[in-house]
Amino acid sequence: MATVKRIKLGSQGLEVSAQGLGCMGMSAFYGSPKPEPEMINLIHHAVNSGVTFLDTSDIYGPFTNEILLGKALKGGVREKVELASKFGIRSADGKREIRGDPEYVRAACEASLKRLDVDSIDLYYQHRIDTRVPIEVTV
């Protein structure tokens, strides 16, 4: 594996590669979804090059980006990376809704864990702030 500088992220000890891989464009927003085998190869190439901070969200696709990442993390890759995912934007009936209530957050996290097929997410954070819910309640 190549050497990429590592940095501390936050104050709780999480250390990540200084360069990360945002996975959004693999599944959504920048044209059609890219071919899955090519994107898995790209993720593996990034990890083998020393980029270990991978970022996704449940809204990317929606949902398909987390599924793609879950496939890429098989075969021991999960143990080599710091995995980030986000919650807070929900698409319902073609409309976007911002959610931060605890029930939604728990359900969103459980669904992300299932799609990613992992036991834990290293950094799980709020994509958009729900101004109707105090941040202390969301957290």
N, C-alpha and C. Protein backbone atom coordinates (compact mmCIF):
# COMPACT_ATOMS: atom_id res chain seq x y z
N MET A 1 0.85 -1.17 0.00
CA MET A 1 0.00 0.00 0.00
C MET A 1 0.89 1.23 0.00
N ALA A 2 0.53 2.22 -0.79
CA ALA A 2 1.27 3.47 -0.86
C ALA A 2 1.08 4.25 0.44
N THR A 3 1.94 5.22 0.65
CA THR A 3 1.85 6.04 1.85
C THR A 3 1.13 7.33 1.53
N VAL A 4 0.04 7.57 2.21
CA VAL A 4 -0.69 8.82 2.13
C VAL A 4 -0.71 9.37 3.55
N LYS A 5 -0.44 10.64 3.67
CA LYS A 5 -0.42 11.26 5.00
C LYS A 5 -1.73 10.97 5.72
N ARG A 6 -1.63 10.78 7.02
CA ARG A 6 -2.81 10.53 7.85
C ARG A 6 -2.99 11.70 8.79
N ILE A 7 -4.22 12.00 9.11
CA ILE A 7 -4.55 13.11 10.00
C ILE A 7 -5.60 12.68 11.01
N LYS A 8 -5.62 13.38 12.13
CA LYS A 8 -6.67 13.14 13.12
C LYS A 8 -7.89 13.95 12.69
N LEU A 9 -9.03 13.33 12.78
CA LEU A 9 -10.29 13.97 12.43
C LEU A 9 -11.10 14.11 13.71
N GLY A 10 -11.27 15.33 14.16
CA GLY A 10 -12.00 15.56 15.40
C GLY A 10 -11.12 15.33 16.60
N SER A 11 -11.76 15.18 17.75
CA SER A 11 -11.03 15.08 19.01
C SER A 11 -11.19 13.72 19.70
N GLN A 12 -11.79 12.75 19.02
CA GLN A 12 -12.05 11.47 19.67
C GLN A 12 -11.15 10.34 19.18
N GLY A 13 -10.10 10.70 18.44
CA GLY A 13 -9.10 9.70 18.07
C GLY A 13 -9.22 9.11 16.69
N LEU A 14 -10.24 9.48 15.92
CA LEU A 14 -10.36 8.94 14.57
C LEU A 14 -9.25 9.49 13.70
N GLU A 15 -8.50 8.59 13.08
CA GLU A 15 -7.42 8.98 12.18
C GLU A 15 -7.77 8.47 10.79
N VAL A 16 -7.61 9.34 9.79
CA VAL A 16 -8.00 9.01 8.42
C VAL A 16 -6.90 9.44 7.46
N SER A 17 -6.97 8.95 6.24
CA SER A 17 -6.05 9.44 5.22
C SER A 17 -6.39 10.90 4.93
N ALA A 18 -5.38 11.73 4.72
CA ALA A 18 -5.60 13.16 4.46
C ALA A 18 -6.41 13.35 3.18
N GLN A 19 -6.27 12.44 2.26
CA GLN A 19 -7.07 12.46 1.04
C GLN A 19 -8.15 11.40 1.19
N GLY A 20 -9.38 11.78 0.92
CA GLY A 20 -10.48 10.84 1.00
C GLY A 20 -11.06 10.57 -0.38
N LEU A 21 -11.96 9.62 -0.42
CA LEU A 21 -12.67 9.31 -1.66
C LEU A 21 -14.15 9.50 -1.42
N GLY A 22 -14.70 10.56 -2.01
CA GLY A 22 -16.13 10.78 -2.00
C GLY A 22 -16.76 9.93 -3.08
N CYS A 23 -17.71 9.11 -2.73
CA CYS A 23 -18.25 8.11 -3.65
C CYS A 23 -19.55 8.53 -4.33
N MET A 24 -20.07 9.71 -4.05
CA MET A 24 -21.36 10.15 -4.57
C MET A 24 -21.48 10.01 -6.09
N GLY A 25 -20.50 10.51 -6.81
CA GLY A 25 -20.58 10.53 -8.27
C GLY A 25 -20.57 9.16 -8.92
N MET A 26 -20.27 8.14 -8.16
CA MET A 26 -20.27 6.78 -8.71
C MET A 26 -21.69 6.29 -8.97
N SER A 27 -22.64 6.83 -8.21
CA SER A 27 -24.01 6.31 -8.28
C SER A 27 -25.07 7.35 -8.62
N ALA A 28 -24.74 8.63 -8.51
CA ALA A 28 -25.80 9.64 -8.67
C ALA A 28 -25.22 11.02 -8.93
N PHE A 29 -26.07 11.87 -9.42
CA PHE A 29 -25.88 13.32 -9.51
C PHE A 29 -24.96 13.81 -10.61
N TYR A 30 -24.02 13.01 -11.07
CA TYR A 30 -23.13 13.44 -12.16
C TYR A 30 -23.33 12.52 -13.35
N GLY A 31 -24.53 12.51 -13.89
CA GLY A 31 -24.83 11.62 -14.99
C GLY A 31 -25.31 10.27 -14.50
N SER A 32 -25.35 9.33 -15.40
CA SER A 32 -25.83 7.98 -15.08
C SER A 32 -24.89 7.29 -14.11
N PRO A 33 -25.43 6.34 -13.33
CA PRO A 33 -24.54 5.56 -12.46
C PRO A 33 -23.45 4.89 -13.30
N LYS A 34 -22.27 4.81 -12.73
CA LYS A 34 -21.13 4.21 -13.42
C LYS A 34 -21.18 2.69 -13.26
N PRO A 35 -20.56 1.95 -14.18
CA PRO A 35 -20.58 0.48 -14.07
C PRO A 35 -19.99 0.00 -12.75
N GLU A 36 -20.74 -0.84 -12.07
CA GLU A 36 -20.36 -1.32 -10.75
C GLU A 36 -18.97 -1.94 -10.70
N PRO A 37 -18.62 -2.85 -11.61
CA PRO A 37 -17.27 -3.44 -11.53
C PRO A 37 -16.16 -2.38 -11.64
N GLU A 38 -16.37 -1.38 -12.47
CA GLU A 38 -15.37 -0.32 -12.61
C GLU A 38 -15.25 0.50 -11.32
N MET A 39 -16.38 0.76 -10.68
CA MET A 39 -16.35 1.55 -9.45
C MET A 39 -15.73 0.76 -8.30
N ILE A 40 -16.00 -0.52 -8.24
CA ILE A 40 -15.37 -1.36 -7.22
C ILE A 40 -13.87 -1.38 -7.44
N ASN A 41 -13.43 -1.51 -8.69
CA ASN A 41 -12.00 -1.46 -9.00
C ASN A 41 -11.40 -0.12 -8.61
N LEU A 42 -12.12 0.96 -8.86
CA LEU A 42 -11.65 2.29 -8.49
C LEU A 42 -11.47 2.41 -6.98
N ILE A 43 -12.46 1.94 -6.23
CA ILE A 43 -12.37 1.97 -4.76
C ILE A 43 -11.17 1.16 -4.28
N HIS A 44 -11.00 -0.03 -4.84
CA HIS A 44 -9.86 -0.87 -4.45
C HIS A 44 -8.54 -0.20 -4.81
N HIS A 45 -8.47 0.44 -5.97
CA HIS A 45 -7.26 1.16 -6.37
C HIS A 45 -6.96 2.28 -5.39
N ALA A 46 -7.98 3.03 -4.99
CA ALA A 46 -7.78 4.12 -4.03
C ALA A 46 -7.23 3.57 -2.72
N VAL A 47 -7.84 2.49 -2.21
CA VAL A 47 -7.39 1.91 -0.94
C VAL A 47 -5.96 1.39 -1.08
N ASN A 48 -5.67 0.73 -2.18
CA ASN A 48 -4.31 0.22 -2.40
C ASN A 48 -3.29 1.34 -2.58
N SER A 49 -3.77 2.53 -2.91
CA SER A 49 -2.91 3.70 -3.07
C SER A 49 -2.75 4.47 -1.76
N GLY A 50 -3.43 4.03 -0.71
CA GLY A 50 -3.30 4.66 0.59
C GLY A 50 -4.45 5.57 0.98
N VAL A 51 -5.45 5.70 0.12
CA VAL A 51 -6.63 6.50 0.46
C VAL A 51 -7.60 5.58 1.19
N THR A 52 -7.79 5.86 2.47
CA THR A 52 -8.58 4.94 3.29
C THR A 52 -9.85 5.58 3.85
N PHE A 53 -10.06 6.84 3.60
CA PHE A 53 -11.26 7.53 4.10
C PHE A 53 -12.29 7.56 2.99
N LEU A 54 -13.33 6.74 3.12
CA LEU A 54 -14.37 6.59 2.11
C LEU A 54 -15.66 7.21 2.62
N ASP A 55 -16.29 8.05 1.79
CA ASP A 55 -17.48 8.79 2.20
C ASP A 55 -18.65 8.50 1.28
N THR A 56 -19.80 8.21 1.88
CA THR A 56 -21.03 7.95 1.15
C THR A 56 -22.20 8.57 1.91
N SER A 57 -23.41 8.30 1.45
CA SER A 57 -24.63 8.76 2.11
C SER A 57 -25.79 7.91 1.64
N ASP A 58 -26.81 7.82 2.50
CA ASP A 58 -28.00 7.07 2.10
C ASP A 58 -28.74 7.73 0.93
N ILE A 59 -28.58 9.03 0.75
CA ILE A 59 -29.29 9.74 -0.32
C ILE A 59 -28.63 9.54 -1.69
N TYR A 60 -27.40 9.07 -1.72
CA TYR A 60 -26.72 8.87 -3.00
C TYR A 60 -27.30 7.65 -3.70
N GLY A 61 -28.07 7.91 -4.71
CA GLY A 61 -28.71 6.85 -5.48
C GLY A 61 -30.20 7.07 -5.64
N PRO A 62 -30.99 7.18 -4.62
CA PRO A 62 -30.70 6.93 -3.22
C PRO A 62 -30.44 5.45 -2.93
N PHE A 63 -29.66 5.24 -1.92
CA PHE A 63 -29.33 3.94 -1.34
C PHE A 63 -28.29 3.13 -2.12
N THR A 64 -28.23 3.28 -3.44
CA THR A 64 -27.39 2.40 -4.25
C THR A 64 -25.91 2.60 -4.00
N ASN A 65 -25.49 3.80 -3.59
CA ASN A 65 -24.07 4.02 -3.35
C ASN A 65 -23.60 3.24 -2.14
N GLU A 66 -24.41 3.18 -1.09
CA GLU A 66 -24.03 2.38 0.07
C GLU A 66 -23.96 0.89 -0.29
N ILE A 67 -24.86 0.43 -1.13
CA ILE A 67 -24.82 -0.97 -1.57
C ILE A 67 -23.54 -1.24 -2.35
N LEU A 68 -23.19 -0.34 -3.26
CA LEU A 68 -21.95 -0.46 -4.03
C LEU A 68 -20.74 -0.51 -3.10
N LEU A 69 -20.68 0.42 -2.17
CA LEU A 69 -19.55 0.46 -1.24
C LEU A 69 -19.49 -0.82 -0.41
N GLY A 70 -20.64 -1.32 0.01
CA GLY A 70 -20.66 -2.57 0.76
C GLY A 70 -20.03 -3.71 -0.03
N LYS A 71 -20.31 -3.77 -1.31
CA LYS A 71 -19.70 -4.81 -2.16
C LYS A 71 -18.19 -4.61 -2.26
N ALA A 72 -17.76 -3.36 -2.37
CA ALA A 72 -16.33 -3.07 -2.50
C ALA A 72 -15.56 -3.37 -1.21
N LEU A 73 -16.24 -3.38 -0.08
CA LEU A 73 -15.59 -3.58 1.21
C LEU A 73 -15.39 -5.05 1.57
N LYS A 74 -15.86 -5.95 0.72
CA LYS A 74 -15.72 -7.39 0.97
C LYS A 74 -14.25 -7.82 0.87
N GLY A 75 -13.97 -8.99 1.36
CA GLY A 75 -12.64 -9.59 1.20
C GLY A 75 -11.54 -8.91 1.99
N GLY A 76 -11.88 -8.35 3.14
CA GLY A 76 -10.86 -7.75 3.99
C GLY A 76 -10.62 -6.27 3.76
N VAL A 77 -11.31 -5.68 2.79
CA VAL A 77 -11.12 -4.25 2.50
C VAL A 77 -11.66 -3.40 3.65
N ARG A 78 -12.76 -3.83 4.26
CA ARG A 78 -13.36 -3.04 5.35
C ARG A 78 -12.35 -2.76 6.46
N GLU A 79 -11.52 -3.71 6.76
CA GLU A 79 -10.55 -3.56 7.84
C GLU A 79 -9.46 -2.55 7.51
N LYS A 80 -9.35 -2.13 6.26
CA LYS A 80 -8.30 -1.20 5.83
C LYS A 80 -8.78 0.25 5.73
N VAL A 81 -10.07 0.49 5.96
CA VAL A 81 -10.62 1.83 5.69
C VAL A 81 -11.33 2.42 6.89
N GLU A 82 -11.51 3.74 6.80
CA GLU A 82 -12.38 4.46 7.72
C GLU A 82 -13.60 4.83 6.88
N LEU A 83 -14.75 4.39 7.32
CA LEU A 83 -15.98 4.51 6.55
C LEU A 83 -16.86 5.61 7.12
N ALA A 84 -17.27 6.53 6.25
CA ALA A 84 -18.17 7.61 6.65
C ALA A 84 -19.46 7.52 5.84
N SER A 85 -20.57 7.75 6.51
CA SER A 85 -21.85 7.87 5.82
C SER A 85 -22.68 8.95 6.51
N LYS A 86 -23.69 9.39 5.80
CA LYS A 86 -24.49 10.52 6.27
C LYS A 86 -25.97 10.18 6.27
N PHE A 87 -26.71 10.94 7.08
CA PHE A 87 -28.16 10.85 7.15
C PHE A 87 -28.72 12.27 7.15
N GLY A 88 -30.01 12.38 7.03
CA GLY A 88 -30.67 13.68 7.21
C GLY A 88 -31.46 14.16 6.03
N ILE A 89 -31.19 13.63 4.84
CA ILE A 89 -31.98 14.00 3.66
C ILE A 89 -32.77 12.77 3.26
N ARG A 90 -34.07 12.91 3.24
CA ARG A 90 -34.95 11.80 2.88
C ARG A 90 -35.74 12.19 1.65
N SER A 91 -35.83 11.31 0.71
CA SER A 91 -36.62 11.54 -0.50
C SER A 91 -37.91 10.74 -0.40
N ALA A 92 -39.03 11.44 -0.43
CA ALA A 92 -40.33 10.77 -0.34
C ALA A 92 -41.27 11.40 -1.37
N ASP A 93 -41.86 10.58 -2.20
CA ASP A 93 -42.80 11.03 -3.23
C ASP A 93 -42.21 12.14 -4.09
N GLY A 94 -40.92 12.00 -4.42
CA GLY A 94 -40.26 12.97 -5.28
C GLY A 94 -39.89 14.28 -4.61
N LYS A 95 -40.11 14.37 -3.31
CA LYS A 95 -39.78 15.59 -2.57
C LYS A 95 -38.71 15.27 -1.55
N ARG A 96 -37.83 16.23 -1.34
CA ARG A 96 -36.79 16.06 -0.32
C ARG A 96 -37.26 16.61 1.00
N GLU A 97 -36.92 15.87 2.03
CA GLU A 97 -37.30 16.24 3.38
C GLU A 97 -36.05 16.15 4.26
N ILE A 98 -35.85 17.12 5.12
CA ILE A 98 -34.74 17.10 6.06
C ILE A 98 -35.26 16.54 7.38
N ARG A 99 -34.56 15.51 7.89
CA ARG A 99 -35.00 14.86 9.12
C ARG A 99 -33.84 14.74 10.10
N GLY A 100 -34.13 15.00 11.37
CA GLY A 100 -33.13 14.86 12.41
C GLY A 100 -33.69 14.32 13.69
N ASP A 101 -34.94 13.85 13.65
CA ASP A 101 -35.54 13.30 14.87
C ASP A 101 -34.90 11.95 15.19
N PRO A 102 -34.75 11.64 16.47
CA PRO A 102 -34.04 10.42 16.87
C PRO A 102 -34.57 9.13 16.24
N GLU A 103 -35.87 9.01 16.09
CA GLU A 103 -36.42 7.79 15.49
C GLU A 103 -35.94 7.62 14.05
N TYR A 104 -35.94 8.72 13.31
CA TYR A 104 -35.46 8.68 11.93
C TYR A 104 -33.97 8.35 11.88
N VAL A 105 -33.19 9.01 12.75
CA VAL A 105 -31.74 8.80 12.75
C VAL A 105 -31.42 7.33 13.02
N ARG A 106 -32.06 6.74 14.02
CA ARG A 106 -31.82 5.33 14.33
C ARG A 106 -32.20 4.44 13.15
N ALA A 107 -33.35 4.67 12.56
CA ALA A 107 -33.79 3.85 11.42
C ALA A 107 -32.85 4.03 10.23
N ALA A 108 -32.42 5.26 9.99
CA ALA A 108 -31.51 5.53 8.87
C ALA A 108 -30.17 4.83 9.10
N CYS A 109 -29.66 4.88 10.32
CA CYS A 109 -28.38 4.23 10.63
C CYS A 109 -28.49 2.72 10.47
N GLU A 110 -29.54 2.14 11.00
CA GLU A 110 -29.71 0.70 10.87
C GLU A 110 -29.81 0.28 9.40
N ALA A 111 -30.52 1.08 8.60
CA ALA A 111 -30.65 0.77 7.17
C ALA A 111 -29.31 0.91 6.46
N SER A 112 -28.53 1.93 6.83
CA SER A 112 -27.20 2.11 6.21
C SER A 112 -26.28 0.95 6.56
N LEU A 113 -26.29 0.52 7.82
CA LEU A 113 -25.47 -0.63 8.21
C LEU A 113 -25.83 -1.86 7.39
N LYS A 114 -27.11 -2.05 7.17
CA LYS A 114 -27.55 -3.21 6.40
C LYS A 114 -27.10 -3.10 4.94
N ARG A 115 -27.30 -1.91 4.33
CA ARG A 115 -26.90 -1.75 2.92
C ARG A 115 -25.40 -1.86 2.75
N LEU A 116 -24.64 -1.31 3.68
CA LEU A 116 -23.19 -1.38 3.63
C LEU A 116 -22.68 -2.77 4.01
N ASP A 117 -23.51 -3.55 4.67
CA ASP A 117 -23.19 -4.90 5.13
C ASP A 117 -21.96 -4.87 6.05
N VAL A 118 -22.02 -3.94 7.02
CA VAL A 118 -20.94 -3.79 8.00
C VAL A 118 -21.55 -3.75 9.41
N ASP A 119 -20.70 -3.94 10.40
CA ASP A 119 -21.14 -3.89 11.79
C ASP A 119 -21.09 -2.48 12.36
N SER A 120 -20.26 -1.62 11.75
CA SER A 120 -20.13 -0.26 12.27
C SER A 120 -19.74 0.70 11.16
N ILE A 121 -20.07 1.95 11.40
CA ILE A 121 -19.69 3.06 10.53
C ILE A 121 -18.78 3.94 11.38
N ASP A 122 -17.60 4.25 10.88
CA ASP A 122 -16.62 4.99 11.68
C ASP A 122 -17.02 6.44 11.92
N LEU A 123 -17.61 7.07 10.94
CA LEU A 123 -18.07 8.45 11.09
C LEU A 123 -19.46 8.53 10.47
N TYR A 124 -20.46 8.71 11.32
CA TYR A 124 -21.85 8.81 10.87
C TYR A 124 -22.30 10.22 11.21
N TYR A 125 -22.60 11.00 10.20
CA TYR A 125 -22.89 12.40 10.48
C TYR A 125 -24.07 12.93 9.70
N GLN A 126 -24.56 14.07 10.16
CA GLN A 126 -25.78 14.67 9.62
C GLN A 126 -25.47 15.46 8.36
N HIS A 127 -26.12 15.06 7.28
CA HIS A 127 -25.92 15.66 5.96
C HIS A 127 -26.51 17.08 5.90
N ARG A 128 -27.68 17.25 6.44
CA ARG A 128 -28.35 18.55 6.53
C ARG A 128 -28.97 18.66 7.91
N ILE A 129 -29.00 19.86 8.46
CA ILE A 129 -29.54 20.10 9.79
C ILE A 129 -31.05 20.28 9.72
N ASP A 130 -31.75 19.54 10.55
CA ASP A 130 -33.19 19.70 10.70
C ASP A 130 -33.39 20.79 11.74
N THR A 131 -33.76 21.98 11.29
CA THR A 131 -33.89 23.12 12.20
C THR A 131 -35.07 23.00 13.15
N ARG A 132 -35.92 22.00 12.94
CA ARG A 132 -37.06 21.77 13.84
C ARG A 132 -36.68 20.97 15.07
N VAL A 133 -35.48 20.38 15.03
CA VAL A 133 -35.05 19.50 16.11
C VAL A 133 -33.73 20.05 16.68
N PRO A 134 -33.66 20.31 17.97
CA PRO A 134 -32.39 20.76 18.55
C PRO A 134 -31.29 19.73 18.28
N ILE A 135 -30.12 20.23 17.97
CA ILE A 135 -29.01 19.34 17.62
C ILE A 135 -28.72 18.34 18.74
N GLU A 136 -28.92 18.78 19.99
CA GLU A 136 -28.69 17.88 21.13
C GLU A 136 -29.64 16.69 21.08
N VAL A 137 -30.83 16.89 20.58
CA VAL A 137 -31.81 15.81 20.48
C VAL A 137 -31.43 14.87 19.34
N THR A 138 -30.99 15.44 18.22
CA THR A 138 -30.56 14.62 17.09
C THR A 138 -29.39 13.74 17.51
N VAL A 139 -28.40 14.33 18.14
CA VAL A 139 -27.21 13.59 18.55
C VAL A 139 -27.56 12.56 19.59
